[in-house]
Structure formats: structure tokens, C-alpha cells
PDB file of N, CA and C in Angstrom:
ATOM      1  N   HIS A   1     -54.551  68.939 102.467  1.00  0.00           N
ATOM      2  CA  HIS A   1     -55.195  68.311 104.154  1.00  0.00           C
ATOM      3  C   HIS A   1     -54.799  67.098 103.656  1.00  0.00           C
ATOM      4  N   ALA A   2     -54.199  66.232 104.758  1.00  0.00           N
ATOM      5  CA  ALA A   2     -53.757  65.099 104.841  1.00  0.00           C
ATOM      6  C   ALA A   2     -54.658  63.885 104.583  1.00  0.00           C
ATOM      7  N   ALA A   3     -56.251  64.032 105.124  1.00  0.00           N
ATOM      8  CA  ALA A   3     -57.148  63.030 104.970  1.00  0.00           C
ATOM      9  C   ALA A   3     -57.437  63.063 103.582  1.00  0.00           C
ATOM     10  N   VAL A   4     -57.545  64.310 102.962  1.00  0.00           N
ATOM     11  CA  VAL A   4     -57.960  64.209 101.640  1.00  0.00           C
ATOM     12  C   VAL A   4     -56.714  63.628 100.803  1.00  0.00           C
ATOM     13  N   ALA A   5     -55.762  64.136 100.769  1.00  0.00           N
ATOM     14  CA  ALA A   5     -54.730  63.550 100.135  1.00  0.00           C
ATOM     15  C   ALA A   5     -54.665  61.739 100.224  1.00  0.00           C
ATOM     16  N   ALA A   6     -54.744  61.187 101.501  1.00  0.00           N
ATOM     17  CA  ALA A   6     -54.837  59.906 101.806  1.00  0.00           C
ATOM     18  C   ALA A   6     -55.948  59.292 101.034  1.00  0.00           C
ATOM     19  N   ALA A   7     -57.178  59.848 100.899  1.00  0.00           N
ATOM     20  CA  ALA A   7     -58.264  59.259 100.175  1.00  0.00           C
ATOM     21  C   ALA A   7     -58.071  59.376  98.760  1.00  0.00           C
ATOM     22  N   ASP A   8     -57.581  60.474  98.378  1.00  0.00           N
ATOM     23  CA  ASP A   8     -56.978  60.594  96.699  1.00  0.00           C
ATOM     24  C   ASP A   8     -56.113  59.154  96.498  1.00  0.00           C
ATOM     25  N   LEU A   9     -55.308  59.075  97.281  1.00  0.00           N
ATOM     26  CA  LEU A   9     -54.266  57.708  97.175  1.00  0.00           C
ATOM     27  C   LEU A   9     -54.958  56.559  97.161  1.00  0.00           C
ATOM     28  N   ASP A  10     -56.110  56.286  98.165  1.00  0.00           N
ATOM     29  CA  ASP A  10     -57.019  55.493  98.199  1.00  0.00           C
ATOM     30  C   ASP A  10     -57.656  55.067  96.843  1.00  0.00           C
ATOM     31  N   LEU A  11     -58.375  56.339  96.386  1.00  0.00           N
ATOM     32  CA  LEU A  11     -59.029  56.000  95.380  1.00  0.00           C
ATOM     33  C   LEU A  11     -58.244  56.020  94.159  1.00  0.00           C
ATOM     34  N   GLY A  12     -57.281  56.220  93.852  1.00  0.00           N
ATOM     35  CA  GLY A  12     -56.484  56.175  92.788  1.00  0.00           C
ATOM     36  C   GLY A  12     -56.068  54.630  92.743  1.00  0.00           C
ATOM     37  N   GLY A  13     -55.882  53.876  93.838  1.00  0.00           N
ATOM     38  CA  GLY A  13     -55.475  52.666  93.679  1.00  0.00           C
ATOM     39  C   GLY A  13     -56.793  51.598  93.874  1.00  0.00           C
ATOM     40  N   GLY A  14     -58.033  52.263  93.362  1.00  0.00           N
ATOM     41  CA  GLY A  14     -59.109  51.387  93.427  1.00  0.00           C
ATOM     42  C   GLY A  14     -59.843  51.107  94.553  1.00  0.00           C
ATOM     43  N   HIS A  15     -59.602  51.808  95.737  1.00  0.00           N
ATOM     44  CA  HIS A  15     -60.109  51.302  97.049  1.00  0.00           C
ATOM     45  C   HIS A  15     -61.064  52.491  97.352  1.00  0.00           C
ATOM     46  N   VAL A  16     -62.255  52.207  96.739  1.00  0.00           N
ATOM     47  CA  VAL A  16     -63.268  53.201  97.063  1.00  0.00           C
ATOM     48  C   VAL A  16     -63.697  53.420  98.353  1.00  0.00           C
ATOM     49  N   GLY A  17     -64.073  52.180  98.930  1.00  0.00           N
ATOM     50  CA  GLY A  17     -64.644  52.080 100.110  1.00  0.00           C
ATOM     51  C   GLY A  17     -63.531  52.519 101.123  1.00  0.00           C
ATOM     52  N   ASP A  18     -62.287  52.353 101.315  1.00  0.00           N
ATOM     53  CA  ASP A  18     -61.327  52.894 102.095  1.00  0.00           C
ATOM     54  C   ASP A  18     -61.047  54.429 102.089  1.00  0.00           C
ATOM     55  N   ALA A  19     -61.418  54.961 100.799  1.00  0.00           N
ATOM     56  CA  ALA A  19     -61.091  56.389 100.651  1.00  0.00           C
ATOM     57  C   ALA A  19     -62.511  57.298 101.106  1.00  0.00           C
ATOM     58  N   VAL A  20     -63.592  56.460 100.956  1.00  0.00           N
ATOM     59  CA  VAL A  20     -65.115  57.249 101.321  1.00  0.00           C
ATOM     60  C   VAL A  20     -65.081  56.881 103.050  1.00  0.00           C
ATOM     61  N   GLY A  21     -64.500  56.042 103.691  1.00  0.00           N
ATOM     62  CA  GLY A  21     -64.717  55.756 104.951  1.00  0.00           C
ATOM     63  C   GLY A  21     -63.884  56.284 105.941  1.00  0.00           C
ATOM     64  N   ARG A  22     -62.443  56.608 105.171  1.00  0.00           N
ATOM     65  CA  ARG A  22     -61.397  57.533 105.768  1.00  0.00           C
ATOM     66  C   ARG A  22     -61.952  58.830 105.933  1.00  0.00           C
ATOM     67  N   LEU A  23     -62.708  59.549 104.816  1.00  0.00           N
ATOM     68  CA  LEU A  23     -63.330  61.051 104.893  1.00  0.00           C
ATOM     69  C   LEU A  23     -64.518  60.886 105.837  1.00  0.00           C
ATOM     70  N   ILE A  24     -65.209  60.031 105.820  1.00  0.00           N
ATOM     71  CA  ILE A  24     -66.394  59.979 106.896  1.00  0.00           C
ATOM     72  C   ILE A  24     -65.914  60.176 108.254  1.00  0.00           C
ATOM     73  N   GLU A  25     -64.973  59.316 108.404  1.00  0.00           N
ATOM     74  CA  GLU A  25     -64.645  59.099 109.816  1.00  0.00           C
ATOM     75  C   GLU A  25     -63.834  60.602 110.344  1.00  0.00           C
ATOM     76  N   HIS A  26     -63.197  61.165 109.012  1.00  0.00           N
ATOM     77  CA  HIS A  26     -62.649  62.755 109.634  1.00  0.00           C
ATOM     78  C   HIS A  26     -63.855  63.468 109.753  1.00  0.00           C
ATOM     79  N   VAL A  27     -64.781  63.659 108.972  1.00  0.00           N
ATOM     80  CA  VAL A  27     -66.028  64.237 109.429  1.00  0.00           C
ATOM     81  C   VAL A  27     -66.695  64.154 110.686  1.00  0.00           C
ATOM     82  N   GLN A  28     -66.667  62.827 111.019  1.00  0.00           N
ATOM     83  CA  GLN A  28     -67.465  62.668 112.352  1.00  0.00           C
ATOM     84  C   GLN A  28     -66.461  63.339 113.501  1.00  0.00           C
ATOM     85  N   ARG A  29     -65.113  63.479 113.308  1.00  0.00           N
ATOM     86  CA  ARG A  29     -64.092  63.781 114.290  1.00  0.00           C
ATOM     87  C   ARG A  29     -63.949  65.209 114.347  1.00  0.00           C
ATOM     88  N   THR A  30     -64.265  66.002 113.152  1.00  0.00           N
ATOM     89  CA  THR A  30     -63.880  67.400 113.223  1.00  0.00           C
ATOM     90  C   THR A  30     -64.807  68.337 112.916  1.00  0.00           C
ATOM     91  N   GLY A  31     -64.654  69.635 112.877  1.00  0.00           N
ATOM     92  CA  GLY A  31     -65.646  70.668 112.576  1.00  0.00           C
ATOM     93  C   GLY A  31     -64.885  71.772 111.877  1.00  0.00           C
ATOM     94  N   GLY A  32     -65.993  72.652 111.639  1.00  0.00           N
ATOM     95  CA  GLY A  32     -65.542  73.968 111.185  1.00  0.00           C
ATOM     96  C   GLY A  32     -65.184  73.874 109.611  1.00  0.00           C
ATOM     97  N   ASP A  33     -64.456  74.630 109.304  1.00  0.00           N
ATOM     98  CA  ASP A  33     -63.603  74.719 107.810  1.00  0.00           C
ATOM     99  C   ASP A  33     -63.238  73.422 107.536  1.00  0.00           C
ATOM    100  N   ASP A  34     -62.497  72.695 108.736  1.00  0.00           N
ATOM    101  CA  ASP A  34     -61.447  71.355 108.133  1.00  0.00           C
ATOM    102  C   ASP A  34     -62.921  70.491 107.614  1.00  0.00           C
ATOM    103  N   ARG A  35     -63.868  70.382 108.544  1.00  0.00           N
ATOM    104  CA  ARG A  35     -65.069  69.305 108.015  1.00  0.00           C
ATOM    105  C   ARG A  35     -65.711  69.622 106.827  1.00  0.00           C
ATOM    106  N   ASP A  36     -65.802  70.949 106.534  1.00  0.00           N
ATOM    107  CA  ASP A  36     -66.628  71.405 105.532  1.00  0.00           C
ATOM    108  C   ASP A  36     -65.273  71.207 104.213  1.00  0.00           C
ATOM    109  N   THR A  37     -64.264  71.250 104.365  1.00  0.00           N
ATOM    110  CA  THR A  37     -63.151  70.807 103.072  1.00  0.00           C
ATOM    111  C   THR A  37     -63.246  69.328 102.727  1.00  0.00           C
ATOM    112  N   VAL A  38     -63.329  68.492 104.286  1.00  0.00           N
ATOM    113  CA  VAL A  38     -63.607  66.890 103.660  1.00  0.00           C
ATOM    114  C   VAL A  38     -64.902  66.586 103.172  1.00  0.00           C
ATOM    115  N   ARG A  39     -65.888  67.353 103.724  1.00  0.00           N
ATOM    116  CA  ARG A  39     -67.267  67.035 102.896  1.00  0.00           C
ATOM    117  C   ARG A  39     -67.416  67.371 101.492  1.00  0.00           C
ATOM    118  N   LEU A  40     -66.819  68.621 101.180  1.00  0.00           N
ATOM    119  CA  LEU A  40     -66.986  69.021  99.853  1.00  0.00           C
ATOM    120  C   LEU A  40     -65.887  67.930  98.917  1.00  0.00           C
ATOM    121  N   ARG A  41     -64.751  67.244  99.401  1.00  0.00           N
ATOM    122  CA  ARG A  41     -64.172  66.272  98.699  1.00  0.00           C
ATOM    123  C   ARG A  41     -64.832  64.945  98.506  1.00  0.00           C
ATOM    124  N   LEU A  42     -65.637  64.814  99.560  1.00  0.00           N
ATOM    125  CA  LEU A  42     -66.556  63.510  99.754  1.00  0.00           C
ATOM    126  C   LEU A  42     -67.682  63.494  98.587  1.00  0.00           C
ATOM    127  N   LEU A  43     -68.181  64.905  98.416  1.00  0.00           N
ATOM    128  CA  LEU A  43     -69.073  64.840  97.463  1.00  0.00           C
ATOM    129  C   LEU A  43     -68.562  64.974  95.571  1.00  0.00           C
ATOM    130  N   GLU A  44     -67.293  65.332  95.952  1.00  0.00           N
ATOM    131  CA  GLU A  44     -66.513  65.194  94.441  1.00  0.00           C
ATOM    132  C   GLU A  44     -66.392  63.742  94.475  1.00  0.00           C
ATOM    133  N   LEU A  45     -65.855  63.210  95.287  1.00  0.00           N
ATOM    134  CA  LEU A  45     -65.614  61.875  94.817  1.00  0.00           C
ATOM    135  C   LEU A  45     -66.898  60.820  94.584  1.00  0.00           C
ATOM    136  N   PHE A  46     -67.987  61.248  94.982  1.00  0.00           N
ATOM    137  CA  PHE A  46     -69.244  60.623  94.942  1.00  0.00           C
ATOM    138  C   PHE A  46     -69.560  60.940  93.438  1.00  0.00           C
ATOM    139  N   GLU A  47     -69.101  61.986  92.885  1.00  0.00           N
ATOM    140  CA  GLU A  47     -69.424  62.333  91.320  1.00  0.00           C
ATOM    141  C   GLU A  47     -68.468  61.319  90.443  1.00  0.00           C
ATOM    142  N   VAL A  48     -67.066  61.243  91.145  1.00  0.00           N
ATOM    143  CA  VAL A  48     -66.249  60.682  90.509  1.00  0.00           C
ATOM    144  C   VAL A  48     -66.702  58.966  90.020  1.00  0.00           C
ATOM    145  N   VAL A  49     -67.168  58.645  91.335  1.00  0.00           N
ATOM    146  CA  VAL A  49     -67.496  57.083  91.139  1.00  0.00           C
ATOM    147  C   VAL A  49     -68.695  56.882  90.561  1.00  0.00           C
ATOM    148  N   GLY A  50     -69.460  57.774  90.893  1.00  0.00           N
ATOM    149  CA  GLY A  50     -70.939  57.548  89.908  1.00  0.00           C
ATOM    150  C   GLY A  50     -72.167  57.341  90.906  1.00  0.00           C
ATOM    151  N   ALA A  51     -73.239  57.963  90.733  1.00  0.00           N
ATOM    152  CA  ALA A  51     -74.559  57.982  91.537  1.00  0.00           C
ATOM    153  C   ALA A  51     -75.025  56.677  91.606  1.00  0.00           C
ATOM    154  N   ASP A  52     -74.647  55.853  90.540  1.00  0.00           N
ATOM    155  CA  ASP A  52     -75.295  54.737  90.446  1.00  0.00           C
ATOM    156  C   ASP A  52     -74.782  53.385  91.254  1.00  0.00           C
ATOM    157  N   ASP A  53     -73.078  53.715  91.793  1.00  0.00           N
ATOM    158  CA  ASP A  53     -72.520  52.756  92.601  1.00  0.00           C
ATOM    159  C   ASP A  53     -73.144  52.709  93.782  1.00  0.00           C
ATOM    160  N   PRO A  54     -73.565  51.548  94.204  1.00  0.00           N
ATOM    161  CA  PRO A  54     -74.177  51.264  95.524  1.00  0.00           C
ATOM    162  C   PRO A  54     -73.491  51.612  96.631  1.00  0.00           C
ATOM    163  N   ARG A  55     -72.178  51.807  96.906  1.00  0.00           N
ATOM    164  CA  ARG A  55     -70.874  52.085  97.463  1.00  0.00           C
ATOM    165  C   ARG A  55     -71.307  53.841  97.889  1.00  0.00           C
ATOM    166  N   VAL A  56     -71.849  54.417  96.786  1.00  0.00           N
ATOM    167  CA  VAL A  56     -72.083  55.856  96.919  1.00  0.00           C
ATOM    168  C   VAL A  56     -73.172  56.194  97.600  1.00  0.00           C
ATOM    169  N   ALA A  57     -74.354  55.429  97.222  1.00  0.00           N
ATOM    170  CA  ALA A  57     -75.588  55.723  98.257  1.00  0.00           C
ATOM    171  C   ALA A  57     -75.224  55.257  99.797  1.00  0.00           C
ATOM    172  N   ALA A  58     -74.269  54.154  99.985  1.00  0.00           N
ATOM    173  CA  ALA A  58     -74.577  54.120 101.584  1.00  0.00           C
ATOM    174  C   ALA A  58     -73.300  54.985 101.952  1.00  0.00           C
ATOM    175  N   ALA A  59     -72.368  55.502 101.339  1.00  0.00           N
ATOM    176  CA  ALA A  59     -71.568  56.497 101.668  1.00  0.00           C
ATOM    177  C   ALA A  59     -72.436  57.847 101.987  1.00  0.00           C
ATOM    178  N   ARG A  60     -73.425  58.275 100.968  1.00  0.00           N
ATOM    179  CA  ARG A  60     -74.079  59.191 101.304  1.00  0.00           C
ATOM    180  C   ARG A  60     -75.035  59.154 102.544  1.00  0.00           C
ATOM    181  N   ARG A  61     -75.619  58.010 102.936  1.00  0.00           N
ATOM    182  CA  ARG A  61     -76.290  57.791 103.893  1.00  0.00           C
ATOM    183  C   ARG A  61     -75.402  57.915 105.445  1.00  0.00           C
ATOM    184  N   ALA A  62     -74.184  57.284 105.351  1.00  0.00           N
ATOM    185  CA  ALA A  62     -73.228  57.628 106.363  1.00  0.00           C
ATOM    186  C   ALA A  62     -72.607  58.853 106.489  1.00  0.00           C
ATOM    187  N   LEU A  63     -72.446  59.841 105.681  1.00  0.00           N
ATOM    188  CA  LEU A  63     -72.157  61.085 105.371  1.00  0.00           C
ATOM    189  C   LEU A  63     -73.085  61.932 106.345  1.00  0.00           C
ATOM    190  N   ALA A  64     -74.473  61.798 105.892  1.00  0.00           N
ATOM    191  CA  ALA A  64     -75.584  62.404 106.356  1.00  0.00           C
ATOM    192  C   ALA A  64     -75.717  62.004 108.117  1.00  0.00           C
ATOM    193  N   ARG A  65     -75.493  60.914 108.268  1.00  0.00           N
ATOM    194  CA  ARG A  65     -75.433  60.456 109.710  1.00  0.00           C
ATOM    195  C   ARG A  65     -74.312  61.160 110.397  1.00  0.00           C
ATOM    196  N   ALA A  66     -73.062  61.261 109.888  1.00  0.00           N
ATOM    197  CA  ALA A  66     -72.150  62.046 110.610  1.00  0.00           C
ATOM    198  C   ALA A  66     -72.321  63.463 110.424  1.00  0.00           C
ATOM    199  N   LEU A  67     -72.985  63.992 109.638  1.00  0.00           N
ATOM    200  CA  LEU A  67     -73.110  65.496 109.711  1.00  0.00           C
ATOM    201  C   LEU A  67     -74.266  65.773 110.787  1.00  0.00           C
ATOM    202  N   PHE A  68     -75.007  65.087 111.000  1.00  0.00           N
ATOM    203  CA  PHE A  68     -76.433  65.167 111.782  1.00  0.00           C
ATOM    204  C   PHE A  68     -76.335  64.537 113.073  1.00  0.00           C
TER     205      PHE A  68
END
């Protein structure tokens, strides 16, 4: 999946905000299995970055808004 691959590159380069933002935007624009794939990858990224990171808390709120 192209959005996931691009986000992984962002994350590998230390660009957490870019990675998360890219995936949240994708969740907002898509549906079905594609949306679920990206949502699950976001949850994995949250674990990698760590729950204590303030960017994760903000990204969780943004993901919730994108889903509902």
C-alpha cells in the first residue's frame, strides 16, 4: 500500500508527524478494507513511537475525528 510505504519512510527518517498526518489524511479520504489497513498501521505506529509521546495523543484524537 503506497500510503503505508510512504509513512514508513517518513517514520524511518524521524518524521513522525509527517507519517501520522499522511495516514490520517488517507483514512479521511478512503473507506472499506483500504481504510482499515491504514488505520491498523497507524495503531502500530502509535506503539512504535510510544503512548507517552504527545504526538501520539494528538494523532489518536485526529484519527478518532477521521473515523467518526
